[in-house]
Amino acid sequence: MTKEPRKPIPYQVPPDYPTYEQAIAYAEDFRNGAPGSYEQGERYALYWLTSTLEVRTTLLKENIYSVVVYPPAGFEVAYADDIEGYEHFRGWIVEYNTVFQEWLLLVGSQEVSIDEFKRIRREYKAASTQGEN
């Protein structure tokens, strides 16, 4: 798919976020060179999940990846307060075990708060950049 304007999530329609197994498939694709992505860099890849959802897979540090699914165009809302109740994104931080060739869930945004997920993700990224210096 090409980069074209994305549609917001329609009013009162919950996002069709992927399952953990689907998130692992994106992490595996990225680990193998991201052939299914529409855009990639050295430490990230972007995928279209649906016309309203995008997947960002990021290498946080060696063998540890973040898979975050979000609506890039946001949500249609009738009232500003509506947005507070929405799940703004769904994410997983996973580790690939090279010995056993399997994935391990470290944390998921559904198990912790969104703020806690973001904090943990930032810590992994910070640890990675400190290791490069």
N, C-alpha and C. Protein backbone atom coordinates (compact mmCIF):
# COMPACT_ATOMS: atom_id res chain seq x y z
N MET A 1 0.84 -1.18 0.00
CA MET A 1 0.00 0.00 0.00
C MET A 1 0.87 1.24 0.00
N THR A 2 0.30 2.30 -0.48
CA THR A 2 1.04 3.55 -0.53
C THR A 2 0.67 4.41 0.66
N LYS A 3 1.43 5.47 0.83
CA LYS A 3 1.09 6.44 1.86
C LYS A 3 0.00 7.34 1.31
N GLU A 4 -1.19 7.20 1.77
CA GLU A 4 -2.29 8.05 1.38
C GLU A 4 -3.03 8.47 2.64
N PRO A 5 -3.88 9.50 2.55
CA PRO A 5 -4.58 9.94 3.76
C PRO A 5 -5.34 8.78 4.41
N ARG A 6 -5.21 8.69 5.70
CA ARG A 6 -5.86 7.62 6.44
C ARG A 6 -7.20 8.10 6.97
N LYS A 7 -8.10 7.18 7.20
CA LYS A 7 -9.42 7.49 7.72
C LYS A 7 -9.41 7.36 9.24
N PRO A 8 -10.16 8.22 9.93
CA PRO A 8 -10.28 8.04 11.37
C PRO A 8 -11.19 6.84 11.69
N ILE A 9 -11.08 6.35 12.92
CA ILE A 9 -11.99 5.30 13.38
C ILE A 9 -13.38 5.93 13.46
N PRO A 10 -14.40 5.33 12.82
CA PRO A 10 -15.75 5.92 12.84
C PRO A 10 -16.30 6.06 14.26
N TYR A 11 -17.20 7.01 14.41
CA TYR A 11 -17.84 7.29 15.70
C TYR A 11 -18.49 6.04 16.27
N GLN A 12 -18.23 5.76 17.52
CA GLN A 12 -18.78 4.65 18.30
C GLN A 12 -18.44 3.27 17.73
N VAL A 13 -17.38 3.17 16.95
CA VAL A 13 -16.92 1.87 16.44
C VAL A 13 -15.59 1.57 17.12
N PRO A 14 -15.51 0.47 17.88
CA PRO A 14 -14.23 0.16 18.52
C PRO A 14 -13.19 -0.27 17.49
N PRO A 15 -11.94 0.10 17.69
CA PRO A 15 -10.88 -0.31 16.75
C PRO A 15 -10.74 -1.83 16.75
N ASP A 16 -10.46 -2.38 15.60
CA ASP A 16 -10.26 -3.82 15.48
C ASP A 16 -8.77 -4.13 15.67
N TYR A 17 -8.31 -3.96 16.91
CA TYR A 17 -6.90 -4.20 17.20
C TYR A 17 -6.56 -5.67 17.02
N PRO A 18 -5.32 -5.96 16.65
CA PRO A 18 -4.93 -7.36 16.43
C PRO A 18 -4.73 -8.11 17.75
N THR A 19 -4.60 -9.40 17.62
CA THR A 19 -4.30 -10.26 18.77
C THR A 19 -2.80 -10.26 19.03
N TYR A 20 -2.41 -10.82 20.14
CA TYR A 20 -0.99 -10.98 20.46
C TYR A 20 -0.29 -11.79 19.37
N GLU A 21 -0.92 -12.86 18.91
CA GLU A 21 -0.33 -13.70 17.87
C GLU A 21 -0.08 -12.91 16.58
N GLN A 22 -1.01 -12.05 16.22
CA GLN A 22 -0.83 -11.21 15.04
C GLN A 22 0.31 -10.21 15.26
N ALA A 23 0.42 -9.67 16.46
CA ALA A 23 1.51 -8.74 16.77
C ALA A 23 2.85 -9.43 16.64
N ILE A 24 2.93 -10.68 17.08
CA ILE A 24 4.17 -11.45 16.97
C ILE A 24 4.53 -11.64 15.49
N ALA A 25 3.54 -11.82 14.64
CA ALA A 25 3.80 -11.98 13.21
C ALA A 25 4.46 -10.72 12.64
N TYR A 26 4.04 -9.54 13.10
CA TYR A 26 4.68 -8.29 12.65
C TYR A 26 6.10 -8.19 13.19
N ALA A 27 6.30 -8.56 14.44
CA ALA A 27 7.66 -8.54 15.01
C ALA A 27 8.57 -9.49 14.25
N GLU A 28 8.06 -10.65 13.91
CA GLU A 28 8.85 -11.64 13.16
C GLU A 28 9.18 -11.13 11.76
N ASP A 29 8.22 -10.49 11.11
CA ASP A 29 8.47 -9.91 9.80
C ASP A 29 9.58 -8.87 9.89
N PHE A 30 9.50 -8.00 10.90
CA PHE A 30 10.53 -6.97 11.07
C PHE A 30 11.89 -7.60 11.35
N ARG A 31 11.91 -8.61 12.20
CA ARG A 31 13.17 -9.29 12.54
C ARG A 31 13.82 -9.90 11.30
N ASN A 32 13.00 -10.26 10.32
CA ASN A 32 13.49 -10.88 9.09
C ASN A 32 13.62 -9.89 7.93
N GLY A 33 13.80 -8.61 8.23
CA GLY A 33 14.05 -7.63 7.18
C GLY A 33 12.85 -6.81 6.76
N ALA A 34 11.69 -7.02 7.35
CA ALA A 34 10.47 -6.24 7.10
C ALA A 34 9.99 -6.26 5.66
N PRO A 35 9.95 -7.43 5.00
CA PRO A 35 9.49 -7.45 3.61
C PRO A 35 8.02 -7.06 3.45
N GLY A 36 7.21 -7.20 4.51
CA GLY A 36 5.79 -6.87 4.42
C GLY A 36 5.47 -5.43 4.78
N SER A 37 6.47 -4.63 5.11
CA SER A 37 6.22 -3.25 5.55
C SER A 37 6.08 -2.32 4.35
N TYR A 38 5.45 -1.17 4.57
CA TYR A 38 5.41 -0.16 3.51
C TYR A 38 6.48 0.90 3.72
N GLU A 39 7.06 0.95 4.92
CA GLU A 39 8.17 1.87 5.19
C GLU A 39 9.03 1.25 6.28
N GLN A 40 10.33 1.41 6.12
CA GLN A 40 11.21 0.87 7.16
C GLN A 40 12.47 1.70 7.30
N GLY A 41 13.01 1.65 8.49
CA GLY A 41 14.28 2.28 8.80
C GLY A 41 15.15 1.24 9.49
N GLU A 42 16.25 1.68 10.01
CA GLU A 42 17.17 0.75 10.66
C GLU A 42 16.55 0.11 11.90
N ARG A 43 15.73 0.88 12.65
CA ARG A 43 15.19 0.38 13.91
C ARG A 43 13.66 0.33 13.96
N TYR A 44 12.99 0.52 12.81
CA TYR A 44 11.53 0.48 12.82
C TYR A 44 11.00 0.01 11.46
N ALA A 45 9.73 -0.38 11.47
CA ALA A 45 9.00 -0.67 10.23
C ALA A 45 7.54 -0.30 10.46
N LEU A 46 6.88 0.17 9.39
CA LEU A 46 5.47 0.52 9.44
C LEU A 46 4.68 -0.40 8.53
N TYR A 47 3.51 -0.80 9.01
CA TYR A 47 2.63 -1.71 8.27
C TYR A 47 1.21 -1.15 8.31
N TRP A 48 0.45 -1.44 7.28
CA TRP A 48 -0.98 -1.15 7.28
C TRP A 48 -1.68 -2.39 7.80
N LEU A 49 -2.50 -2.23 8.81
CA LEU A 49 -3.32 -3.34 9.28
C LEU A 49 -4.69 -3.27 8.60
N THR A 50 -5.29 -2.09 8.65
CA THR A 50 -6.57 -1.83 7.98
C THR A 50 -6.51 -0.40 7.45
N SER A 51 -7.60 0.05 6.85
CA SER A 51 -7.61 1.43 6.35
C SER A 51 -7.58 2.45 7.49
N THR A 52 -7.83 2.00 8.72
CA THR A 52 -7.84 2.92 9.86
C THR A 52 -6.75 2.64 10.89
N LEU A 53 -6.02 1.54 10.75
CA LEU A 53 -5.01 1.18 11.75
C LEU A 53 -3.63 0.95 11.13
N GLU A 54 -2.62 1.40 11.85
CA GLU A 54 -1.24 1.23 11.43
C GLU A 54 -0.48 0.48 12.52
N VAL A 55 0.52 -0.29 12.11
CA VAL A 55 1.37 -1.03 13.04
C VAL A 55 2.78 -0.47 12.94
N ARG A 56 3.37 -0.13 14.08
CA ARG A 56 4.76 0.33 14.14
C ARG A 56 5.53 -0.69 14.97
N THR A 57 6.49 -1.33 14.33
CA THR A 57 7.36 -2.28 15.02
C THR A 57 8.73 -1.63 15.17
N THR A 58 9.24 -1.64 16.38
CA THR A 58 10.49 -0.95 16.69
C THR A 58 11.45 -1.88 17.41
N LEU A 59 12.71 -1.85 17.02
CA LEU A 59 13.75 -2.55 17.76
C LEU A 59 14.16 -1.64 18.91
N LEU A 60 13.84 -2.05 20.14
CA LEU A 60 14.17 -1.23 21.30
C LEU A 60 15.60 -1.44 21.75
N LYS A 61 16.01 -2.69 21.79
CA LYS A 61 17.39 -3.07 22.07
C LYS A 61 17.55 -4.49 21.54
N GLU A 62 18.72 -5.05 21.61
CA GLU A 62 18.97 -6.35 20.98
C GLU A 62 17.92 -7.38 21.39
N ASN A 63 17.22 -7.92 20.39
CA ASN A 63 16.20 -8.96 20.54
C ASN A 63 14.95 -8.52 21.30
N ILE A 64 14.79 -7.24 21.58
CA ILE A 64 13.59 -6.73 22.25
C ILE A 64 12.90 -5.74 21.31
N TYR A 65 11.63 -6.01 21.06
CA TYR A 65 10.86 -5.25 20.07
C TYR A 65 9.58 -4.70 20.69
N SER A 66 9.13 -3.60 20.14
CA SER A 66 7.85 -3.02 20.50
C SER A 66 6.96 -3.11 19.27
N VAL A 67 5.73 -3.57 19.46
CA VAL A 67 4.73 -3.58 18.40
C VAL A 67 3.57 -2.74 18.91
N VAL A 68 3.30 -1.63 18.24
CA VAL A 68 2.24 -0.72 18.66
C VAL A 68 1.29 -0.52 17.48
N VAL A 69 0.00 -0.68 17.76
CA VAL A 69 -1.04 -0.52 16.74
C VAL A 69 -1.90 0.67 17.15
N TYR A 70 -2.12 1.59 16.21
CA TYR A 70 -2.83 2.82 16.53
C TYR A 70 -3.54 3.34 15.29
N PRO A 71 -4.57 4.18 15.48
CA PRO A 71 -5.22 4.84 14.34
C PRO A 71 -4.50 6.16 14.04
N PRO A 72 -3.72 6.25 12.96
CA PRO A 72 -2.96 7.47 12.70
C PRO A 72 -3.84 8.70 12.48
N ALA A 73 -5.08 8.51 12.03
CA ALA A 73 -5.98 9.64 11.83
C ALA A 73 -6.88 9.87 13.05
N GLY A 74 -6.71 9.08 14.10
CA GLY A 74 -7.47 9.28 15.32
C GLY A 74 -8.87 8.69 15.27
N PHE A 75 -9.74 9.25 16.08
CA PHE A 75 -11.11 8.78 16.24
C PHE A 75 -12.09 9.90 15.92
N GLU A 76 -13.23 9.54 15.32
CA GLU A 76 -14.32 10.50 15.20
C GLU A 76 -15.05 10.52 16.54
N VAL A 77 -15.31 11.70 17.08
CA VAL A 77 -16.02 11.81 18.35
C VAL A 77 -17.11 12.86 18.24
N ALA A 78 -18.16 12.68 19.03
CA ALA A 78 -19.23 13.67 19.07
C ALA A 78 -18.95 14.72 20.14
N TYR A 79 -18.35 14.28 21.25
CA TYR A 79 -18.03 15.17 22.36
C TYR A 79 -16.57 14.98 22.74
N ALA A 80 -15.93 16.05 23.15
CA ALA A 80 -14.50 15.96 23.51
C ALA A 80 -14.26 14.93 24.61
N ASP A 81 -15.19 14.79 25.54
CA ASP A 81 -15.02 13.84 26.64
C ASP A 81 -15.05 12.39 26.16
N ASP A 82 -15.61 12.13 24.98
CA ASP A 82 -15.69 10.76 24.47
C ASP A 82 -14.30 10.13 24.33
N ILE A 83 -13.33 10.92 23.96
CA ILE A 83 -12.01 10.39 23.64
C ILE A 83 -11.33 9.77 24.86
N GLU A 84 -11.68 10.21 26.06
CA GLU A 84 -11.04 9.69 27.27
C GLU A 84 -11.30 8.21 27.48
N GLY A 85 -12.42 7.70 27.03
CA GLY A 85 -12.75 6.30 27.24
C GLY A 85 -12.20 5.36 26.18
N TYR A 86 -11.56 5.89 25.16
CA TYR A 86 -11.07 5.06 24.05
C TYR A 86 -9.71 4.45 24.36
N GLU A 87 -9.47 3.30 23.80
CA GLU A 87 -8.15 2.67 23.86
C GLU A 87 -7.36 3.27 22.69
N HIS A 88 -6.49 4.23 22.99
CA HIS A 88 -5.81 5.01 21.95
C HIS A 88 -4.84 4.19 21.12
N PHE A 89 -4.28 3.15 21.70
CA PHE A 89 -3.43 2.22 20.96
C PHE A 89 -3.37 0.92 21.74
N ARG A 90 -2.86 -0.09 21.09
CA ARG A 90 -2.58 -1.35 21.77
C ARG A 90 -1.14 -1.71 21.45
N GLY A 91 -0.41 -2.11 22.47
CA GLY A 91 1.00 -2.39 22.24
C GLY A 91 1.52 -3.57 23.05
N TRP A 92 2.62 -4.12 22.56
CA TRP A 92 3.30 -5.24 23.20
C TRP A 92 4.80 -4.98 23.15
N ILE A 93 5.50 -5.35 24.19
CA ILE A 93 6.96 -5.38 24.17
C ILE A 93 7.32 -6.85 24.30
N VAL A 94 8.05 -7.32 23.30
CA VAL A 94 8.35 -8.76 23.22
C VAL A 94 9.85 -8.97 23.06
N GLU A 95 10.28 -10.13 23.48
CA GLU A 95 11.69 -10.50 23.34
C GLU A 95 11.80 -11.78 22.53
N TYR A 96 12.74 -11.79 21.60
CA TYR A 96 12.99 -13.00 20.81
C TYR A 96 14.14 -13.77 21.43
N ASN A 97 13.88 -15.01 21.81
CA ASN A 97 14.90 -15.88 22.39
C ASN A 97 15.58 -16.61 21.24
N THR A 98 16.83 -16.25 20.97
CA THR A 98 17.54 -16.83 19.83
C THR A 98 17.93 -18.28 20.06
N VAL A 99 18.05 -18.71 21.31
CA VAL A 99 18.40 -20.10 21.60
C VAL A 99 17.24 -21.03 21.29
N PHE A 100 16.05 -20.68 21.81
CA PHE A 100 14.86 -21.52 21.61
C PHE A 100 14.02 -21.09 20.42
N GLN A 101 14.41 -19.98 19.77
CA GLN A 101 13.70 -19.43 18.62
C GLN A 101 12.21 -19.27 18.90
N GLU A 102 11.94 -18.54 19.99
CA GLU A 102 10.55 -18.28 20.36
C GLU A 102 10.42 -16.88 20.94
N TRP A 103 9.20 -16.38 20.94
CA TRP A 103 8.90 -15.05 21.44
C TRP A 103 8.37 -15.12 22.86
N LEU A 104 8.72 -14.11 23.66
CA LEU A 104 8.27 -14.00 25.04
C LEU A 104 7.64 -12.62 25.23
N LEU A 105 6.44 -12.59 25.77
CA LEU A 105 5.78 -11.32 26.07
C LEU A 105 6.38 -10.74 27.34
N LEU A 106 6.93 -9.53 27.24
CA LEU A 106 7.47 -8.85 28.42
C LEU A 106 6.39 -7.98 29.07
N VAL A 107 5.64 -7.26 28.25
CA VAL A 107 4.54 -6.43 28.77
C VAL A 107 3.59 -6.09 27.64
N GLY A 108 2.31 -5.99 27.98
CA GLY A 108 1.29 -5.58 27.02
C GLY A 108 0.50 -4.41 27.57
N SER A 109 0.06 -3.54 26.71
CA SER A 109 -0.67 -2.35 27.16
C SER A 109 -2.01 -2.71 27.79
N GLN A 110 -2.55 -3.89 27.50
CA GLN A 110 -3.80 -4.29 28.12
C GLN A 110 -3.60 -4.76 29.55
N GLU A 111 -2.37 -5.19 29.88
CA GLU A 111 -2.09 -5.69 31.22
C GLU A 111 -1.67 -4.57 32.18
N VAL A 112 -1.11 -3.51 31.63
CA VAL A 112 -0.70 -2.35 32.44
C VAL A 112 -1.39 -1.13 31.85
N SER A 113 -1.29 -0.01 32.50
CA SER A 113 -1.90 1.20 31.95
C SER A 113 -1.10 1.67 30.72
N ILE A 114 -1.74 2.49 29.92
CA ILE A 114 -1.07 3.06 28.74
C ILE A 114 0.17 3.84 29.18
N ASP A 115 0.02 4.63 30.24
CA ASP A 115 1.17 5.41 30.74
C ASP A 115 2.31 4.51 31.18
N GLU A 116 1.99 3.41 31.85
CA GLU A 116 3.03 2.48 32.30
C GLU A 116 3.70 1.81 31.10
N PHE A 117 2.92 1.45 30.10
CA PHE A 117 3.49 0.85 28.89
C PHE A 117 4.47 1.82 28.23
N LYS A 118 4.07 3.09 28.10
CA LYS A 118 4.95 4.10 27.50
C LYS A 118 6.23 4.27 28.31
N ARG A 119 6.10 4.26 29.65
CA ARG A 119 7.27 4.42 30.51
C ARG A 119 8.25 3.26 30.32
N ILE A 120 7.74 2.05 30.31
CA ILE A 120 8.59 0.87 30.13
C ILE A 120 9.26 0.91 28.76
N ARG A 121 8.51 1.28 27.75
CA ARG A 121 9.06 1.37 26.39
C ARG A 121 10.20 2.40 26.33
N ARG A 122 9.98 3.55 26.96
CA ARG A 122 11.03 4.58 27.01
C ARG A 122 12.28 4.07 27.71
N GLU A 123 12.10 3.31 28.78
CA GLU A 123 13.26 2.77 29.51
C GLU A 123 14.08 1.83 28.64
N TYR A 124 13.41 0.97 27.88
CA TYR A 124 14.14 0.08 26.97
C TYR A 124 14.90 0.88 25.92
N LYS A 125 14.24 1.89 25.36
CA LYS A 125 14.90 2.71 24.34
C LYS A 125 16.09 3.46 24.92
N ALA A 126 15.94 4.00 26.13
CA ALA A 126 17.03 4.73 26.77
C ALA A 126 18.20 3.80 27.06
N ALA A 127 17.91 2.59 27.53
CA ALA A 127 18.98 1.63 27.81
C ALA A 127 19.72 1.27 26.54
N SER A 128 19.01 1.22 25.43
CA SER A 128 19.63 0.90 24.14
C SER A 128 20.58 2.00 23.70
N THR A 129 20.16 3.26 23.82
CA THR A 129 21.01 4.36 23.38
C THR A 129 22.20 4.55 24.31
N GLN A 130 22.05 4.23 25.59
CA GLN A 130 23.19 4.31 26.50
C GLN A 130 24.23 3.26 26.16
N GLY A 131 23.77 2.08 25.72
CA GLY A 131 24.69 1.01 25.35
C GLY A 131 25.47 1.31 24.08
N GLU A 132 24.97 2.24 23.25
CA GLU A 132 25.64 2.59 22.00
C GLU A 132 26.77 3.58 22.23
N ASN A 133 26.76 4.28 23.35
CA ASN A 133 27.78 5.30 23.62
C ASN A 133 29.06 4.70 24.16
